[in-house]
Amino acid sequence: MTQLAELARHGHPTRQLDAFRLGDAAYLDELCGWAAAHLGTDPVVVRASAESAVVGAVQSRLGKERSGQLVENALGRIAQACRRAGARHIIVAGGESSGAVAQALQVRAMRIGAQIAPDVPWIFNAGGLGEPPLPLVLKSGNFGGRDFFSRALAMLPTPRTGVKP
C-alpha cells in the first residue's frame, strides 16, 4: 500500500488533479477554492500522482516538461490559497512539488523541527511581517514508510517550540 493510499483509507477530503485541465485558469481557481473550503480538522489531500499509463498519456500529449510545470504551478497556487485561507500546516510529497510549493509560499528561511522519518523533519517557514511561522514538510516521494502522513500529523509541532505539545 502506498503512502497516499494509506492516507486515503482514513477518508480525508481528496482531490485528484486533472493534468489536462491545469492550463485552464477557471479550473485552477476551482481547485484552490475546493482546497480552501475543506480546511478544518481533517487533512485536505490534493494529489497529482497517477497510474503510470495516465502519466504516460499526459506526458505524451503535453510533453514531459510542460506537464511537470503545470502540476508544479497548480500545487503552488493551491498552497498559496490554503495559506491565505488559514492553513496551519502543509505537507508536500515529491521533490519538484516541494520546490514549487516552497517557492510559491516564498520560503526564504526556515527552522528545522522534529524528525518524522530519516532525513525528513518538520520545518518552519520564518513567515513574513505579521505572519506566523508555517509548519511544513517538504519531502521527496520515496522518504518514509507507508504511514508517513499519519506519523507526520501525529507529530504536528507548534510553531513556537518546534515540538508536539
N, C-alpha and C. Protein backbone atom coordinates (compact mmCIF):
# COMPACT_ATOMS: atom_id res chain seq x y z
N MET A 1 0.85 -1.18 0.00
CA MET A 1 0.00 0.00 0.00
C MET A 1 0.89 1.24 0.00
N THR A 2 0.56 2.23 -0.82
CA THR A 2 1.35 3.45 -0.91
C THR A 2 1.01 4.40 0.23
N GLN A 3 1.84 5.41 0.39
CA GLN A 3 1.59 6.42 1.42
C GLN A 3 0.25 7.12 1.17
N LEU A 4 -0.04 7.48 -0.07
CA LEU A 4 -1.31 8.16 -0.37
C LEU A 4 -2.50 7.23 -0.17
N ALA A 5 -2.34 5.96 -0.52
CA ALA A 5 -3.43 5.00 -0.30
C ALA A 5 -3.71 4.84 1.19
N GLU A 6 -2.67 4.82 1.98
CA GLU A 6 -2.83 4.72 3.43
C GLU A 6 -3.56 5.95 3.97
N LEU A 7 -3.21 7.12 3.47
CA LEU A 7 -3.88 8.35 3.90
C LEU A 7 -5.34 8.35 3.45
N ALA A 8 -5.59 7.95 2.22
CA ALA A 8 -6.96 7.93 1.68
C ALA A 8 -7.85 6.96 2.45
N ARG A 9 -7.25 5.92 2.99
CA ARG A 9 -8.00 4.93 3.76
C ARG A 9 -8.73 5.56 4.94
N HIS A 10 -8.24 6.70 5.40
CA HIS A 10 -8.85 7.39 6.54
C HIS A 10 -9.97 8.34 6.12
N GLY A 11 -10.26 8.43 4.83
CA GLY A 11 -11.41 9.19 4.36
C GLY A 11 -11.25 10.70 4.34
N HIS A 12 -10.03 11.21 4.27
CA HIS A 12 -9.82 12.66 4.21
C HIS A 12 -10.31 13.21 2.87
N PRO A 13 -10.78 14.46 2.85
CA PRO A 13 -11.18 15.06 1.57
C PRO A 13 -10.01 15.01 0.59
N THR A 14 -10.24 14.45 -0.59
CA THR A 14 -9.18 14.22 -1.55
C THR A 14 -9.61 14.70 -2.93
N ARG A 15 -8.69 15.31 -3.62
CA ARG A 15 -8.95 15.76 -5.00
C ARG A 15 -7.78 15.35 -5.87
N GLN A 16 -8.05 14.68 -6.96
CA GLN A 16 -7.04 14.28 -7.95
C GLN A 16 -6.96 15.38 -9.00
N LEU A 17 -5.75 15.87 -9.27
CA LEU A 17 -5.58 16.87 -10.32
C LEU A 17 -5.84 16.24 -11.69
N ASP A 18 -6.49 16.97 -12.56
CA ASP A 18 -6.67 16.57 -13.95
C ASP A 18 -5.63 17.35 -14.75
N ALA A 19 -4.52 16.71 -15.05
CA ALA A 19 -3.39 17.39 -15.70
C ALA A 19 -3.79 18.03 -17.02
N PHE A 20 -4.75 17.46 -17.72
CA PHE A 20 -5.18 18.02 -19.00
C PHE A 20 -5.91 19.36 -18.83
N ARG A 21 -6.38 19.65 -17.62
CA ARG A 21 -7.13 20.89 -17.37
C ARG A 21 -6.31 21.95 -16.62
N LEU A 22 -5.07 21.65 -16.29
CA LEU A 22 -4.29 22.56 -15.45
C LEU A 22 -3.92 23.87 -16.13
N GLY A 23 -4.04 23.95 -17.44
CA GLY A 23 -3.78 25.20 -18.15
C GLY A 23 -4.99 26.13 -18.14
N ASP A 24 -6.10 25.69 -17.59
CA ASP A 24 -7.34 26.45 -17.54
C ASP A 24 -7.43 27.21 -16.21
N ALA A 25 -7.42 28.54 -16.28
CA ALA A 25 -7.43 29.37 -15.07
C ALA A 25 -8.67 29.09 -14.21
N ALA A 26 -9.81 28.86 -14.84
CA ALA A 26 -11.04 28.60 -14.08
C ALA A 26 -10.92 27.28 -13.30
N TYR A 27 -10.29 26.29 -13.89
CA TYR A 27 -10.09 25.01 -13.20
C TYR A 27 -9.15 25.20 -12.01
N LEU A 28 -8.08 25.98 -12.20
CA LEU A 28 -7.16 26.25 -11.08
C LEU A 28 -7.89 26.99 -9.96
N ASP A 29 -8.71 27.96 -10.32
CA ASP A 29 -9.50 28.67 -9.30
C ASP A 29 -10.42 27.71 -8.55
N GLU A 30 -11.02 26.78 -9.30
CA GLU A 30 -11.90 25.78 -8.69
C GLU A 30 -11.12 24.91 -7.69
N LEU A 31 -9.94 24.45 -8.09
CA LEU A 31 -9.11 23.63 -7.20
C LEU A 31 -8.73 24.40 -5.93
N CYS A 32 -8.31 25.65 -6.11
CA CYS A 32 -7.93 26.47 -4.95
C CYS A 32 -9.11 26.68 -4.02
N GLY A 33 -10.27 26.95 -4.59
CA GLY A 33 -11.47 27.14 -3.78
C GLY A 33 -11.87 25.88 -3.04
N TRP A 34 -11.78 24.74 -3.73
CA TRP A 34 -12.11 23.47 -3.10
C TRP A 34 -11.20 23.20 -1.92
N ALA A 35 -9.90 23.34 -2.12
CA ALA A 35 -8.93 23.06 -1.05
C ALA A 35 -9.16 23.99 0.13
N ALA A 36 -9.31 25.28 -0.13
CA ALA A 36 -9.51 26.25 0.95
C ALA A 36 -10.82 25.98 1.69
N ALA A 37 -11.86 25.60 0.97
CA ALA A 37 -13.16 25.34 1.60
C ALA A 37 -13.15 24.10 2.48
N HIS A 38 -12.24 23.18 2.23
CA HIS A 38 -12.20 21.93 3.00
C HIS A 38 -11.20 21.97 4.15
N LEU A 39 -10.56 23.11 4.37
CA LEU A 39 -9.65 23.20 5.51
C LEU A 39 -10.46 23.04 6.79
N GLY A 40 -9.90 22.38 7.73
CA GLY A 40 -10.58 22.16 9.00
C GLY A 40 -9.75 21.23 9.85
N THR A 41 -10.42 20.33 10.53
CA THR A 41 -9.69 19.42 11.41
C THR A 41 -9.07 18.26 10.65
N ASP A 42 -9.64 17.87 9.50
CA ASP A 42 -9.08 16.79 8.69
C ASP A 42 -8.09 17.35 7.68
N PRO A 43 -7.06 16.57 7.34
CA PRO A 43 -6.16 16.99 6.27
C PRO A 43 -6.91 17.04 4.94
N VAL A 44 -6.52 17.96 4.10
CA VAL A 44 -7.03 18.06 2.75
C VAL A 44 -5.93 17.50 1.84
N VAL A 45 -6.30 16.59 0.97
CA VAL A 45 -5.32 15.93 0.11
C VAL A 45 -5.56 16.35 -1.33
N VAL A 46 -4.55 16.97 -1.92
CA VAL A 46 -4.57 17.28 -3.35
C VAL A 46 -3.44 16.46 -3.94
N ARG A 47 -3.79 15.57 -4.86
CA ARG A 47 -2.78 14.66 -5.37
C ARG A 47 -2.61 14.81 -6.87
N ALA A 48 -1.34 14.77 -7.27
CA ALA A 48 -1.00 14.83 -8.69
C ALA A 48 -0.60 13.46 -9.20
N SER A 49 -0.22 12.56 -8.30
CA SER A 49 0.25 11.24 -8.72
C SER A 49 -0.89 10.47 -9.38
N ALA A 50 -0.50 9.63 -10.32
CA ALA A 50 -1.49 8.84 -11.06
C ALA A 50 -0.83 7.55 -11.53
N GLU A 51 -1.65 6.65 -12.04
CA GLU A 51 -1.13 5.40 -12.61
C GLU A 51 -0.17 5.73 -13.75
N SER A 52 0.80 4.87 -13.98
CA SER A 52 1.83 5.15 -14.99
C SER A 52 1.23 5.34 -16.38
N ALA A 53 0.15 4.63 -16.71
CA ALA A 53 -0.48 4.80 -18.03
C ALA A 53 -1.05 6.21 -18.19
N VAL A 54 -1.63 6.76 -17.11
CA VAL A 54 -2.18 8.11 -17.15
C VAL A 54 -1.05 9.12 -17.28
N VAL A 55 -0.01 8.95 -16.48
CA VAL A 55 1.15 9.86 -16.56
C VAL A 55 1.73 9.83 -17.96
N GLY A 56 1.87 8.64 -18.54
CA GLY A 56 2.40 8.50 -19.89
C GLY A 56 1.54 9.22 -20.92
N ALA A 57 0.23 9.11 -20.80
CA ALA A 57 -0.68 9.78 -21.73
C ALA A 57 -0.57 11.30 -21.61
N VAL A 58 -0.48 11.79 -20.38
CA VAL A 58 -0.35 13.23 -20.16
C VAL A 58 0.97 13.72 -20.75
N GLN A 59 2.06 13.02 -20.45
CA GLN A 59 3.36 13.44 -20.95
C GLN A 59 3.45 13.33 -22.47
N SER A 60 2.79 12.35 -23.04
CA SER A 60 2.78 12.19 -24.50
C SER A 60 2.06 13.36 -25.16
N ARG A 61 0.95 13.76 -24.57
CA ARG A 61 0.14 14.83 -25.17
C ARG A 61 0.68 16.22 -24.88
N LEU A 62 1.11 16.46 -23.64
CA LEU A 62 1.54 17.80 -23.24
C LEU A 62 3.06 17.98 -23.25
N GLY A 63 3.78 16.88 -23.25
CA GLY A 63 5.23 16.94 -23.12
C GLY A 63 5.60 16.80 -21.65
N LYS A 64 6.71 16.15 -21.40
CA LYS A 64 7.13 15.88 -20.03
C LYS A 64 7.38 17.16 -19.25
N GLU A 65 8.14 18.08 -19.84
CA GLU A 65 8.47 19.32 -19.14
C GLU A 65 7.24 20.18 -18.90
N ARG A 66 6.39 20.34 -19.91
CA ARG A 66 5.19 21.17 -19.78
C ARG A 66 4.23 20.58 -18.74
N SER A 67 4.03 19.27 -18.77
CA SER A 67 3.10 18.67 -17.81
C SER A 67 3.62 18.84 -16.39
N GLY A 68 4.94 18.70 -16.20
CA GLY A 68 5.53 18.92 -14.88
C GLY A 68 5.35 20.35 -14.40
N GLN A 69 5.55 21.30 -15.31
CA GLN A 69 5.37 22.72 -14.96
C GLN A 69 3.93 23.02 -14.57
N LEU A 70 2.99 22.44 -15.30
CA LEU A 70 1.57 22.67 -14.98
C LEU A 70 1.22 22.14 -13.60
N VAL A 71 1.70 20.95 -13.27
CA VAL A 71 1.42 20.36 -11.95
C VAL A 71 2.07 21.20 -10.86
N GLU A 72 3.32 21.57 -11.04
CA GLU A 72 4.02 22.36 -10.02
C GLU A 72 3.35 23.71 -9.81
N ASN A 73 2.95 24.38 -10.89
CA ASN A 73 2.26 25.66 -10.78
C ASN A 73 0.94 25.50 -10.02
N ALA A 74 0.20 24.45 -10.35
CA ALA A 74 -1.09 24.21 -9.68
C ALA A 74 -0.89 23.97 -8.19
N LEU A 75 0.06 23.12 -7.82
CA LEU A 75 0.28 22.84 -6.40
C LEU A 75 0.75 24.09 -5.65
N GLY A 76 1.56 24.91 -6.30
CA GLY A 76 1.98 26.16 -5.68
C GLY A 76 0.81 27.09 -5.44
N ARG A 77 -0.06 27.23 -6.44
CA ARG A 77 -1.24 28.10 -6.28
C ARG A 77 -2.19 27.57 -5.22
N ILE A 78 -2.36 26.27 -5.16
CA ILE A 78 -3.24 25.67 -4.15
C ILE A 78 -2.67 25.91 -2.76
N ALA A 79 -1.36 25.77 -2.60
CA ALA A 79 -0.72 26.03 -1.30
C ALA A 79 -0.91 27.49 -0.89
N GLN A 80 -0.77 28.40 -1.84
CA GLN A 80 -0.99 29.82 -1.53
C GLN A 80 -2.43 30.06 -1.09
N ALA A 81 -3.37 29.46 -1.80
CA ALA A 81 -4.79 29.63 -1.45
C ALA A 81 -5.08 29.08 -0.06
N CYS A 82 -4.49 27.93 0.25
CA CYS A 82 -4.69 27.33 1.57
C CYS A 82 -4.08 28.21 2.66
N ARG A 83 -2.91 28.75 2.40
CA ARG A 83 -2.26 29.64 3.38
C ARG A 83 -3.12 30.87 3.63
N ARG A 84 -3.62 31.48 2.54
CA ARG A 84 -4.49 32.65 2.70
C ARG A 84 -5.77 32.30 3.46
N ALA A 85 -6.25 31.07 3.30
CA ALA A 85 -7.48 30.63 3.96
C ALA A 85 -7.25 30.17 5.40
N GLY A 86 -5.99 30.22 5.84
CA GLY A 86 -5.71 29.90 7.24
C GLY A 86 -5.11 28.53 7.51
N ALA A 87 -4.58 27.87 6.49
CA ALA A 87 -3.95 26.56 6.74
C ALA A 87 -2.90 26.71 7.83
N ARG A 88 -2.89 25.76 8.75
CA ARG A 88 -1.95 25.82 9.88
C ARG A 88 -0.70 24.99 9.64
N HIS A 89 -0.70 24.16 8.59
CA HIS A 89 0.48 23.39 8.21
C HIS A 89 0.25 22.83 6.81
N ILE A 90 1.35 22.51 6.13
CA ILE A 90 1.28 21.96 4.78
C ILE A 90 2.32 20.85 4.66
N ILE A 91 1.90 19.73 4.10
CA ILE A 91 2.80 18.61 3.84
C ILE A 91 2.83 18.39 2.33
N VAL A 92 4.02 18.33 1.76
CA VAL A 92 4.17 18.13 0.33
C VAL A 92 5.06 16.92 0.08
N ALA A 93 4.58 16.00 -0.76
CA ALA A 93 5.38 14.85 -1.15
C ALA A 93 5.76 15.01 -2.61
N GLY A 94 7.02 14.82 -2.90
CA GLY A 94 7.54 14.96 -4.25
C GLY A 94 8.57 16.06 -4.29
N GLY A 95 9.73 15.77 -4.80
CA GLY A 95 10.82 16.74 -4.80
C GLY A 95 10.51 18.00 -5.57
N GLU A 96 10.09 17.87 -6.83
CA GLU A 96 9.77 19.05 -7.63
C GLU A 96 8.55 19.77 -7.06
N SER A 97 7.58 19.02 -6.60
CA SER A 97 6.38 19.62 -5.99
C SER A 97 6.77 20.41 -4.74
N SER A 98 7.65 19.85 -3.93
CA SER A 98 8.10 20.56 -2.72
C SER A 98 8.78 21.86 -3.08
N GLY A 99 9.62 21.83 -4.09
CA GLY A 99 10.30 23.05 -4.52
C GLY A 99 9.32 24.09 -5.02
N ALA A 100 8.31 23.66 -5.78
CA ALA A 100 7.31 24.60 -6.30
C ALA A 100 6.49 25.22 -5.18
N VAL A 101 6.12 24.42 -4.20
CA VAL A 101 5.33 24.93 -3.07
C VAL A 101 6.18 25.88 -2.22
N ALA A 102 7.43 25.51 -1.96
CA ALA A 102 8.31 26.38 -1.18
C ALA A 102 8.49 27.73 -1.88
N GLN A 103 8.64 27.69 -3.19
CA GLN A 103 8.79 28.93 -3.95
C GLN A 103 7.50 29.74 -3.91
N ALA A 104 6.36 29.10 -4.11
CA ALA A 104 5.08 29.80 -4.09
C ALA A 104 4.79 30.43 -2.74
N LEU A 105 5.21 29.75 -1.66
CA LEU A 105 4.99 30.27 -0.30
C LEU A 105 6.11 31.22 0.13
N GLN A 106 7.04 31.46 -0.76
CA GLN A 106 8.16 32.38 -0.51
C GLN A 106 8.96 31.98 0.72
N VAL A 107 9.29 30.70 0.81
CA VAL A 107 10.12 30.21 1.91
C VAL A 107 11.54 30.71 1.66
N ARG A 108 11.99 31.62 2.51
CA ARG A 108 13.33 32.20 2.37
C ARG A 108 14.27 31.72 3.47
N ALA A 109 13.70 31.45 4.61
CA ALA A 109 14.48 30.96 5.75
C ALA A 109 13.59 30.01 6.51
N MET A 110 14.21 29.01 7.11
CA MET A 110 13.41 28.05 7.85
C MET A 110 14.17 27.56 9.07
N ARG A 111 13.39 27.07 10.00
CA ARG A 111 13.94 26.46 11.20
C ARG A 111 13.57 24.98 11.15
N ILE A 112 14.52 24.14 11.51
CA ILE A 112 14.30 22.69 11.47
C ILE A 112 13.62 22.24 12.76
N GLY A 113 12.61 21.40 12.62
CA GLY A 113 11.89 20.86 13.77
C GLY A 113 12.17 19.38 13.94
N ALA A 114 11.23 18.69 14.54
CA ALA A 114 11.37 17.27 14.85
C ALA A 114 11.42 16.42 13.59
N GLN A 115 12.20 15.35 13.66
CA GLN A 115 12.33 14.42 12.53
C GLN A 115 11.15 13.46 12.51
N ILE A 116 10.51 13.35 11.34
CA ILE A 116 9.38 12.45 11.16
C ILE A 116 9.87 11.08 10.72
N ALA A 117 10.77 11.08 9.78
CA ALA A 117 11.42 9.88 9.23
C ALA A 117 12.86 10.29 8.95
N PRO A 118 13.76 9.32 8.74
CA PRO A 118 15.14 9.71 8.45
C PRO A 118 15.22 10.74 7.32
N ASP A 119 15.88 11.85 7.62
CA ASP A 119 16.09 12.95 6.67
C ASP A 119 14.84 13.72 6.30
N VAL A 120 13.75 13.57 7.04
CA VAL A 120 12.53 14.34 6.77
C VAL A 120 12.01 14.93 8.08
N PRO A 121 12.33 16.20 8.34
CA PRO A 121 11.83 16.86 9.54
C PRO A 121 10.65 17.77 9.23
N TRP A 122 9.95 18.16 10.27
CA TRP A 122 9.07 19.31 10.16
C TRP A 122 10.00 20.52 10.03
N ILE A 123 9.62 21.49 9.23
CA ILE A 123 10.37 22.74 9.16
C ILE A 123 9.39 23.88 9.38
N PHE A 124 9.93 25.05 9.66
CA PHE A 124 9.09 26.22 9.88
C PHE A 124 9.53 27.33 8.98
N ASN A 125 8.64 27.75 8.08
CA ASN A 125 8.89 28.92 7.27
C ASN A 125 8.93 30.11 8.23
N ALA A 126 9.93 30.95 8.09
CA ALA A 126 10.10 32.07 9.02
C ALA A 126 8.91 33.01 9.01
N GLY A 127 8.11 33.00 7.96
CA GLY A 127 6.93 33.86 7.91
C GLY A 127 7.30 35.27 7.51
N GLY A 128 6.34 36.01 7.02
CA GLY A 128 6.55 37.40 6.65
C GLY A 128 6.16 38.31 7.79
N LEU A 129 6.17 39.60 7.53
CA LEU A 129 5.79 40.57 8.56
C LEU A 129 4.35 40.31 9.01
N GLY A 130 4.18 40.11 10.27
CA GLY A 130 2.85 39.87 10.83
C GLY A 130 2.28 38.50 10.53
N GLU A 131 3.05 37.63 9.91
CA GLU A 131 2.58 36.30 9.56
C GLU A 131 3.24 35.28 10.49
N PRO A 132 2.46 34.40 11.10
CA PRO A 132 3.08 33.41 11.98
C PRO A 132 3.88 32.38 11.18
N PRO A 133 4.87 31.76 11.80
CA PRO A 133 5.61 30.70 11.11
C PRO A 133 4.64 29.59 10.67
N LEU A 134 4.95 28.99 9.53
CA LEU A 134 4.10 27.93 8.99
C LEU A 134 4.85 26.61 9.04
N PRO A 135 4.36 25.63 9.80
CA PRO A 135 4.98 24.31 9.79
C PRO A 135 4.80 23.64 8.41
N LEU A 136 5.88 23.11 7.89
CA LEU A 136 5.88 22.48 6.57
C LEU A 136 6.62 21.15 6.63
N VAL A 137 6.23 20.25 5.76
CA VAL A 137 7.02 19.07 5.45
C VAL A 137 7.22 19.11 3.94
N LEU A 138 8.47 19.09 3.53
CA LEU A 138 8.83 19.07 2.11
C LEU A 138 9.69 17.84 1.91
N LYS A 139 9.15 16.83 1.24
CA LYS A 139 9.89 15.58 1.15
C LYS A 139 9.87 15.03 -0.27
N SER A 140 10.89 14.30 -0.59
CA SER A 140 10.90 13.54 -1.83
C SER A 140 9.89 12.42 -1.68
N GLY A 141 9.35 11.96 -2.78
CA GLY A 141 8.32 10.93 -2.73
C GLY A 141 8.74 9.62 -2.10
N ASN A 142 10.04 9.31 -2.09
CA ASN A 142 10.46 7.99 -1.62
C ASN A 142 10.88 7.95 -0.15
N PHE A 143 10.70 9.00 0.60
CA PHE A 143 11.10 9.01 2.00
C PHE A 143 9.93 8.60 2.90
N GLY A 144 10.27 7.87 3.96
CA GLY A 144 9.28 7.48 4.96
C GLY A 144 8.53 6.22 4.58
N GLY A 145 7.95 5.60 5.58
CA GLY A 145 7.17 4.38 5.38
C GLY A 145 5.76 4.70 4.90
N ARG A 146 4.96 3.64 4.74
CA ARG A 146 3.60 3.86 4.22
C ARG A 146 2.74 4.69 5.17
N ASP A 147 3.09 4.73 6.46
CA ASP A 147 2.32 5.51 7.43
C ASP A 147 2.90 6.91 7.62
N PHE A 148 3.71 7.36 6.66
CA PHE A 148 4.40 8.64 6.81
C PHE A 148 3.45 9.79 7.15
N PHE A 149 2.37 9.95 6.38
CA PHE A 149 1.48 11.08 6.60
C PHE A 149 0.82 11.02 7.98
N SER A 150 0.40 9.85 8.39
CA SER A 150 -0.19 9.71 9.72
C SER A 150 0.82 10.06 10.81
N ARG A 151 2.05 9.60 10.63
CA ARG A 151 3.11 9.93 11.60
C ARG A 151 3.37 11.43 11.64
N ALA A 152 3.45 12.04 10.47
CA ALA A 152 3.70 13.48 10.40
C ALA A 152 2.60 14.25 11.12
N LEU A 153 1.36 13.88 10.87
CA LEU A 153 0.24 14.57 11.51
C LEU A 153 0.21 14.34 13.02
N ALA A 154 0.58 13.14 13.45
CA ALA A 154 0.63 12.85 14.88
C ALA A 154 1.72 13.65 15.58
N MET A 155 2.74 14.02 14.83
CA MET A 155 3.86 14.77 15.40
C MET A 155 3.73 16.27 15.15
N LEU A 156 2.58 16.71 14.70
CA LEU A 156 2.40 18.12 14.32
C LEU A 156 2.93 19.03 15.41
N PRO A 157 3.94 19.81 15.08
CA PRO A 157 4.57 20.67 16.08
C PRO A 157 3.85 22.00 16.22
N THR A 158 4.21 22.71 17.27
CA THR A 158 3.74 24.08 17.42
C THR A 158 4.83 24.99 16.84
N PRO A 159 4.46 26.07 16.16
CA PRO A 159 5.47 26.93 15.55
C PRO A 159 6.45 27.52 16.57
N ARG A 160 6.00 27.78 17.76
CA ARG A 160 6.87 28.42 18.74
C ARG A 160 7.97 27.48 19.25
N THR A 161 7.60 26.24 19.53
CA THR A 161 8.56 25.34 20.16
C THR A 161 9.21 24.36 19.19
N GLY A 162 8.52 24.05 18.09
CA GLY A 162 9.06 23.06 17.16
C GLY A 162 8.83 21.63 17.61
N VAL A 163 8.11 21.46 18.70
CA VAL A 163 7.83 20.11 19.17
C VAL A 163 6.34 19.95 19.39
N LYS A 164 5.89 18.72 19.37
CA LYS A 164 4.48 18.44 19.60
C LYS A 164 4.11 18.82 21.03
N PRO A 165 2.97 19.51 21.20
CA PRO A 165 2.56 19.89 22.57
C PRO A 165 2.22 18.67 23.40
